[in-house]
Amino acid sequence: MTFDIEKFREDLLTKRIIKDKLTLRQAAVQIGSSAATISRVERSHMPDIETFCKICSYLDADPKIYFIGHDKK
């Protein structure tokens, strides 16, 4: 199983900029993380598990969708 950082990054950018029209700092407040951390994720840096969960909650997304091969046994 592989983490799809590009899909995660694209979903975050799409929701923040296109759907919600939020600045980085506004989104960070909503997510419950720092703007620097969110910026790093938007530049394809792997988030820690706590940040990953917070962003998934912000995206209203099932975390499994960001793992390639998650539906295989």
PDB file of N, CA and C in Angstrom:
ATOM      1  N   MET A   1       0.842  -1.164   0.000  1.00  0.00           N
ATOM      2  CA  MET A   1       0.000   0.000   0.000  1.00  0.00           C
ATOM      3  C   MET A   1       0.898   1.242   0.000  1.00  0.00           C
ATOM      4  N   THR A   2       0.541   2.221  -0.808  1.00  0.00           N
ATOM      5  CA  THR A   2       1.332   3.444  -0.961  1.00  0.00           C
ATOM      6  C   THR A   2       0.451   4.668  -0.726  1.00  0.00           C
ATOM      7  N   PHE A   3       0.989   5.651  -0.011  1.00  0.00           N
ATOM      8  CA  PHE A   3       0.267   6.900   0.229  1.00  0.00           C
ATOM      9  C   PHE A   3       0.335   7.770  -1.017  1.00  0.00           C
ATOM     10  N   ASP A   4      -0.826   8.229  -1.481  1.00  0.00           N
ATOM     11  CA  ASP A   4      -0.911   9.066  -2.683  1.00  0.00           C
ATOM     12  C   ASP A   4      -0.877  10.539  -2.278  1.00  0.00           C
ATOM     13  N   ILE A   5       0.322  11.034  -2.027  1.00  0.00           N
ATOM     14  CA  ILE A   5       0.493  12.411  -1.574  1.00  0.00           C
ATOM     15  C   ILE A   5      -0.011  13.414  -2.607  1.00  0.00           C
ATOM     16  N   GLU A   6       0.101  13.098  -3.880  1.00  0.00           N
ATOM     17  CA  GLU A   6      -0.352  14.039  -4.909  1.00  0.00           C
ATOM     18  C   GLU A   6      -1.866  14.211  -4.894  1.00  0.00           C
ATOM     19  N   LYS A   7      -2.614  13.132  -4.724  1.00  0.00           N
ATOM     20  CA  LYS A   7      -4.076  13.239  -4.636  1.00  0.00           C
ATOM     21  C   LYS A   7      -4.450  14.007  -3.374  1.00  0.00           C
ATOM     22  N   PHE A   8      -3.787  13.708  -2.269  1.00  0.00           N
ATOM     23  CA  PHE A   8      -4.045  14.388  -1.003  1.00  0.00           C
ATOM     24  C   PHE A   8      -3.800  15.887  -1.149  1.00  0.00           C
ATOM     25  N   ARG A   9      -2.679  16.222  -1.730  1.00  0.00           N
ATOM     26  CA  ARG A   9      -2.296  17.614  -1.967  1.00  0.00           C
ATOM     27  C   ARG A   9      -3.308  18.321  -2.865  1.00  0.00           C
ATOM     28  N   GLU A  10      -3.671  17.676  -3.963  1.00  0.00           N
ATOM     29  CA  GLU A  10      -4.627  18.276  -4.901  1.00  0.00           C
ATOM     30  C   GLU A  10      -5.991  18.486  -4.257  1.00  0.00           C
ATOM     31  N   ASP A  11      -6.452  17.515  -3.478  1.00  0.00           N
ATOM     32  CA  ASP A  11      -7.747  17.666  -2.802  1.00  0.00           C
ATOM     33  C   ASP A  11      -7.713  18.821  -1.810  1.00  0.00           C
ATOM     34  N   LEU A  12      -6.630  18.941  -1.068  1.00  0.00           N
ATOM     35  CA  LEU A  12      -6.491  20.032  -0.113  1.00  0.00           C
ATOM     36  C   LEU A  12      -6.481  21.387  -0.815  1.00  0.00           C
ATOM     37  N   LEU A  13      -5.681  21.511  -1.854  1.00  0.00           N
ATOM     38  CA  LEU A  13      -5.624  22.774  -2.592  1.00  0.00           C
ATOM     39  C   LEU A  13      -6.968  23.123  -3.226  1.00  0.00           C
ATOM     40  N   THR A  14      -7.631  22.143  -3.804  1.00  0.00           N
ATOM     41  CA  THR A  14      -8.929  22.380  -4.443  1.00  0.00           C
ATOM     42  C   THR A  14      -9.953  22.880  -3.430  1.00  0.00           C
ATOM     43  N   LYS A  15     -10.027  22.202  -2.293  1.00  0.00           N
ATOM     44  CA  LYS A  15     -11.008  22.619  -1.283  1.00  0.00           C
ATOM     45  C   LYS A  15     -10.657  23.993  -0.723  1.00  0.00           C
ATOM     46  N   ARG A  16      -9.410  24.195  -0.379  1.00  0.00           N
ATOM     47  CA  ARG A  16      -9.014  25.465   0.250  1.00  0.00           C
ATOM     48  C   ARG A  16      -9.182  26.648  -0.685  1.00  0.00           C
ATOM     49  N   ILE A  17      -8.683  26.525  -1.906  1.00  0.00           N
ATOM     50  CA  ILE A  17      -8.638  27.674  -2.810  1.00  0.00           C
ATOM     51  C   ILE A  17      -9.903  27.825  -3.650  1.00  0.00           C
ATOM     52  N   ILE A  18     -10.338  26.740  -4.264  1.00  0.00           N
ATOM     53  CA  ILE A  18     -11.460  26.834  -5.207  1.00  0.00           C
ATOM     54  C   ILE A  18     -12.810  26.778  -4.510  1.00  0.00           C
ATOM     55  N   LYS A  19     -12.993  25.797  -3.630  1.00  0.00           N
ATOM     56  CA  LYS A  19     -14.303  25.629  -2.988  1.00  0.00           C
ATOM     57  C   LYS A  19     -14.521  26.610  -1.846  1.00  0.00           C
ATOM     58  N   ASP A  20     -13.570  26.671  -0.915  1.00  0.00           N
ATOM     59  CA  ASP A  20     -13.753  27.498   0.279  1.00  0.00           C
ATOM     60  C   ASP A  20     -13.205  28.918   0.143  1.00  0.00           C
ATOM     61  N   LYS A  21     -12.335  29.132  -0.844  1.00  0.00           N
ATOM     62  CA  LYS A  21     -11.715  30.445  -1.062  1.00  0.00           C
ATOM     63  C   LYS A  21     -11.053  30.985   0.216  1.00  0.00           C
ATOM     64  N   LEU A  22     -10.260  30.124   0.828  1.00  0.00           N
ATOM     65  CA  LEU A  22      -9.585  30.493   2.071  1.00  0.00           C
ATOM     66  C   LEU A  22      -8.105  30.753   1.839  1.00  0.00           C
ATOM     67  N   THR A  23      -7.566  31.662   2.633  1.00  0.00           N
ATOM     68  CA  THR A  23      -6.118  31.833   2.648  1.00  0.00           C
ATOM     69  C   THR A  23      -5.520  30.643   3.388  1.00  0.00           C
ATOM     70  N   LEU A  24      -4.248  30.509   3.286  1.00  0.00           N
ATOM     71  CA  LEU A  24      -3.539  29.439   3.983  1.00  0.00           C
ATOM     72  C   LEU A  24      -3.786  29.532   5.489  1.00  0.00           C
ATOM     73  N   ARG A  25      -3.708  30.711   6.029  1.00  0.00           N
ATOM     74  CA  ARG A  25      -3.894  30.907   7.473  1.00  0.00           C
ATOM     75  C   ARG A  25      -5.329  30.623   7.905  1.00  0.00           C
ATOM     76  N   GLN A  26      -6.296  31.030   7.098  1.00  0.00           N
ATOM     77  CA  GLN A  26      -7.697  30.747   7.421  1.00  0.00           C
ATOM     78  C   GLN A  26      -7.954  29.239   7.434  1.00  0.00           C
ATOM     79  N   ALA A  27      -7.412  28.551   6.449  1.00  0.00           N
ATOM     80  CA  ALA A  27      -7.580  27.098   6.392  1.00  0.00           C
ATOM     81  C   ALA A  27      -6.885  26.426   7.572  1.00  0.00           C
ATOM     82  N   ALA A  28      -5.715  26.900   7.922  1.00  0.00           N
ATOM     83  CA  ALA A  28      -4.982  26.321   9.046  1.00  0.00           C
ATOM     84  C   ALA A  28      -5.794  26.423  10.332  1.00  0.00           C
ATOM     85  N   VAL A  29      -6.457  27.542  10.540  1.00  0.00           N
ATOM     86  CA  VAL A  29      -7.309  27.706  11.725  1.00  0.00           C
ATOM     87  C   VAL A  29      -8.446  26.692  11.692  1.00  0.00           C
ATOM     88  N   GLN A  30      -9.092  26.553  10.542  1.00  0.00           N
ATOM     89  CA  GLN A  30     -10.191  25.586  10.424  1.00  0.00           C
ATOM     90  C   GLN A  30      -9.705  24.157  10.635  1.00  0.00           C
ATOM     91  N   ILE A  31      -8.544  23.845  10.117  1.00  0.00           N
ATOM     92  CA  ILE A  31      -7.996  22.493  10.214  1.00  0.00           C
ATOM     93  C   ILE A  31      -7.482  22.211  11.623  1.00  0.00           C
ATOM     94  N   GLY A  32      -6.974  23.237  12.288  1.00  0.00           N
ATOM     95  CA  GLY A  32      -6.407  23.057  13.624  1.00  0.00           C
ATOM     96  C   GLY A  32      -4.932  22.750  13.587  1.00  0.00           C
ATOM     97  N   SER A  33      -4.264  23.347  12.624  1.00  0.00           N
ATOM     98  CA  SER A  33      -2.833  23.146  12.454  1.00  0.00           C
ATOM     99  C   SER A  33      -2.195  24.489  12.132  1.00  0.00           C
ATOM    100  N   SER A  34      -0.890  24.503  11.997  1.00  0.00           N
ATOM    101  CA  SER A  34      -0.223  25.760  11.654  1.00  0.00           C
ATOM    102  C   SER A  34      -0.233  25.977  10.142  1.00  0.00           C
ATOM    103  N   ALA A  35      -0.154  27.229   9.749  1.00  0.00           N
ATOM    104  CA  ALA A  35      -0.083  27.566   8.327  1.00  0.00           C
ATOM    105  C   ALA A  35       1.174  26.956   7.705  1.00  0.00           C
ATOM    106  N   ALA A  36       2.264  26.923   8.449  1.00  0.00           N
ATOM    107  CA  ALA A  36       3.509  26.342   7.926  1.00  0.00           C
ATOM    108  C   ALA A  36       3.332  24.853   7.627  1.00  0.00           C
ATOM    109  N   THR A  37       2.640  24.152   8.492  1.00  0.00           N
ATOM    110  CA  THR A  37       2.410  22.724   8.275  1.00  0.00           C
ATOM    111  C   THR A  37       1.540  22.490   7.057  1.00  0.00           C
ATOM    112  N   ILE A  38       0.477  23.254   6.926  1.00  0.00           N
ATOM    113  CA  ILE A  38      -0.418  23.120   5.775  1.00  0.00           C
ATOM    114  C   ILE A  38       0.328  23.461   4.491  1.00  0.00           C
ATOM    115  N   SER A  39       1.158  24.487   4.541  1.00  0.00           N
ATOM    116  CA  SER A  39       1.962  24.858   3.382  1.00  0.00           C
ATOM    117  C   SER A  39       2.876  23.713   2.956  1.00  0.00           C
ATOM    118  N   ARG A  40       3.497  23.059   3.917  1.00  0.00           N
ATOM    119  CA  ARG A  40       4.371  21.927   3.591  1.00  0.00           C
ATOM    120  C   ARG A  40       3.585  20.803   2.921  1.00  0.00           C
ATOM    121  N   VAL A  41       2.406  20.499   3.431  1.00  0.00           N
ATOM    122  CA  VAL A  41       1.579  19.452   2.821  1.00  0.00           C
ATOM    123  C   VAL A  41       1.198  19.855   1.396  1.00  0.00           C
ATOM    124  N   GLU A  42       0.874  21.116   1.201  1.00  0.00           N
ATOM    125  CA  GLU A  42       0.519  21.597  -0.141  1.00  0.00           C
ATOM    126  C   GLU A  42       1.703  21.562  -1.101  1.00  0.00           C
ATOM    127  N   ARG A  43       2.903  21.417  -0.559  1.00  0.00           N
ATOM    128  CA  ARG A  43       4.102  21.274  -1.392  1.00  0.00           C
ATOM    129  C   ARG A  43       4.567  19.819  -1.440  1.00  0.00           C
ATOM    130  N   SER A  44       3.635  18.913  -1.158  1.00  0.00           N
ATOM    131  CA  SER A  44       3.842  17.460  -1.260  1.00  0.00           C
ATOM    132  C   SER A  44       4.731  16.856  -0.177  1.00  0.00           C
ATOM    133  N   HIS A  45       4.810  17.482   0.982  1.00  0.00           N
ATOM    134  CA  HIS A  45       5.531  16.886   2.110  1.00  0.00           C
ATOM    135  C   HIS A  45       4.564  15.994   2.872  1.00  0.00           C
ATOM    136  N   MET A  46       5.048  14.862   3.303  1.00  0.00           N
ATOM    137  CA  MET A  46       4.234  13.900   4.033  1.00  0.00           C
ATOM    138  C   MET A  46       3.841  14.461   5.401  1.00  0.00           C
ATOM    139  N   PRO A  47       2.530  14.497   5.697  1.00  0.00           N
ATOM    140  CA  PRO A  47       2.116  14.981   7.023  1.00  0.00           C
ATOM    141  C   PRO A  47       2.283  13.893   8.081  1.00  0.00           C
ATOM    142  N   ASP A  48       2.351  14.315   9.343  1.00  0.00           N
ATOM    143  CA  ASP A  48       2.313  13.321  10.416  1.00  0.00           C
ATOM    144  C   ASP A  48       0.878  12.807  10.526  1.00  0.00           C
ATOM    145  N   ILE A  49       0.663  11.765  11.283  1.00  0.00           N
ATOM    146  CA  ILE A  49      -0.642  11.118  11.333  1.00  0.00           C
ATOM    147  C   ILE A  49      -1.723  12.047  11.895  1.00  0.00           C
ATOM    148  N   GLU A  50      -1.378  12.846  12.887  1.00  0.00           N
ATOM    149  CA  GLU A  50      -2.350  13.776  13.466  1.00  0.00           C
ATOM    150  C   GLU A  50      -2.798  14.808  12.434  1.00  0.00           C
ATOM    151  N   THR A  51      -1.865  15.377  11.708  1.00  0.00           N
ATOM    152  CA  THR A  51      -2.191  16.351  10.669  1.00  0.00           C
ATOM    153  C   THR A  51      -2.982  15.694   9.548  1.00  0.00           C
ATOM    154  N   PHE A  52      -2.577  14.496   9.162  1.00  0.00           N
ATOM    155  CA  PHE A  52      -3.301  13.755   8.130  1.00  0.00           C
ATOM    156  C   PHE A  52      -4.769  13.597   8.523  1.00  0.00           C
ATOM    157  N   CYS A  53      -5.026  13.192   9.758  1.00  0.00           N
ATOM    158  CA  CYS A  53      -6.402  13.005  10.218  1.00  0.00           C
ATOM    159  C   CYS A  53      -7.174  14.321  10.247  1.00  0.00           C
ATOM    160  N   LYS A  54      -6.536  15.378  10.687  1.00  0.00           N
ATOM    161  CA  LYS A  54      -7.202  16.690  10.718  1.00  0.00           C
ATOM    162  C   LYS A  54      -7.556  17.162   9.315  1.00  0.00           C
ATOM    163  N   ILE A  55      -6.648  16.965   8.368  1.00  0.00           N
ATOM    164  CA  ILE A  55      -6.919  17.389   6.995  1.00  0.00           C
ATOM    165  C   ILE A  55      -8.012  16.526   6.376  1.00  0.00           C
ATOM    166  N   CYS A  56      -7.999  15.232   6.639  1.00  0.00           N
ATOM    167  CA  CYS A  56      -9.074  14.362   6.137  1.00  0.00           C
ATOM    168  C   CYS A  56     -10.423  14.822   6.676  1.00  0.00           C
ATOM    169  N   SER A  57     -10.453  15.214   7.933  1.00  0.00           N
ATOM    170  CA  SER A  57     -11.693  15.724   8.522  1.00  0.00           C
ATOM    171  C   SER A  57     -12.131  17.008   7.813  1.00  0.00           C
ATOM    172  N   TYR A  58     -11.193  17.915   7.589  1.00  0.00           N
ATOM    173  CA  TYR A  58     -11.481  19.152   6.854  1.00  0.00           C
ATOM    174  C   TYR A  58     -12.010  18.851   5.453  1.00  0.00           C
ATOM    175  N   LEU A  59     -11.426  17.848   4.821  1.00  0.00           N
ATOM    176  CA  LEU A  59     -11.843  17.470   3.472  1.00  0.00           C
ATOM    177  C   LEU A  59     -13.129  16.640   3.468  1.00  0.00           C
ATOM    178  N   ASP A  60     -13.554  16.203   4.648  1.00  0.00           N
ATOM    179  CA  ASP A  60     -14.683  15.291   4.785  1.00  0.00           C
ATOM    180  C   ASP A  60     -14.443  14.054   3.917  1.00  0.00           C
ATOM    181  N   ALA A  61     -13.233  13.523   4.028  1.00  0.00           N
ATOM    182  CA  ALA A  61     -12.793  12.402   3.191  1.00  0.00           C
ATOM    183  C   ALA A  61     -12.404  11.204   4.041  1.00  0.00           C
ATOM    184  N   ASP A  62     -12.716  10.037   3.542  1.00  0.00           N
ATOM    185  CA  ASP A  62     -12.291   8.796   4.169  1.00  0.00           C
ATOM    186  C   ASP A  62     -10.785   8.660   3.937  1.00  0.00           C
ATOM    187  N   PRO A  63      -9.998   8.542   4.990  1.00  0.00           N
ATOM    188  CA  PRO A  63      -8.539   8.459   4.821  1.00  0.00           C
ATOM    189  C   PRO A  63      -8.076   7.355   3.872  1.00  0.00           C
ATOM    190  N   LYS A  64      -8.853   6.294   3.749  1.00  0.00           N
ATOM    191  CA  LYS A  64      -8.462   5.166   2.893  1.00  0.00           C
ATOM    192  C   LYS A  64      -8.293   5.559   1.432  1.00  0.00           C
ATOM    193  N   ILE A  65      -8.982   6.604   0.992  1.00  0.00           N
ATOM    194  CA  ILE A  65      -8.904   6.956  -0.430  1.00  0.00           C
ATOM    195  C   ILE A  65      -7.521   7.446  -0.843  1.00  0.00           C
ATOM    196  N   TYR A  66      -6.696   7.787   0.131  1.00  0.00           N
ATOM    197  CA  TYR A  66      -5.367   8.299  -0.185  1.00  0.00           C
ATOM    198  C   TYR A  66      -4.291   7.209  -0.180  1.00  0.00           C
ATOM    199  N   PHE A  67      -4.716   5.983  -0.085  1.00  0.00           N
ATOM    200  CA  PHE A  67      -3.774   4.871  -0.114  1.00  0.00           C
ATOM    201  C   PHE A  67      -4.022   4.022  -1.344  1.00  0.00           C
ATOM    202  N   ILE A  68      -3.025   3.938  -2.192  1.00  0.00           N
ATOM    203  CA  ILE A  68      -3.115   3.131  -3.402  1.00  0.00           C
ATOM    204  C   ILE A  68      -3.033   1.667  -2.986  1.00  0.00           C
ATOM    205  N   GLY A  69      -3.997   0.919  -3.431  1.00  0.00           N
ATOM    206  CA  GLY A  69      -4.046  -0.489  -3.095  1.00  0.00           C
ATOM    207  C   GLY A  69      -4.807  -0.766  -1.810  1.00  0.00           C
ATOM    208  N   HIS A  70      -5.571   0.229  -1.302  1.00  0.00           N
ATOM    209  CA  HIS A  70      -6.287   0.044  -0.042  1.00  0.00           C
ATOM    210  C   HIS A  70      -7.408  -0.981  -0.133  1.00  0.00           C
ATOM    211  N   ASP A  71      -7.902  -1.272  -1.328  1.00  0.00           N
ATOM    212  CA  ASP A  71      -9.011  -2.200  -1.486  1.00  0.00           C
ATOM    213  C   ASP A  71      -8.547  -3.637  -1.726  1.00  0.00           C
ATOM    214  N   LYS A  72      -7.258  -3.848  -1.726  1.00  0.00           N
ATOM    215  CA  LYS A  72      -6.705  -5.194  -1.917  1.00  0.00           C
ATOM    216  C   LYS A  72      -6.397  -5.835  -0.585  1.00  0.00           C
ATOM    217  N   LYS A  73      -6.511  -7.141  -0.535  1.00  0.00           N
ATOM    218  CA  LYS A  73      -6.225  -7.861   0.710  1.00  0.00           C
ATOM    219  C   LYS A  73      -4.803  -8.351   0.745  1.00  0.00           C
TER     220      LYS A  73
END
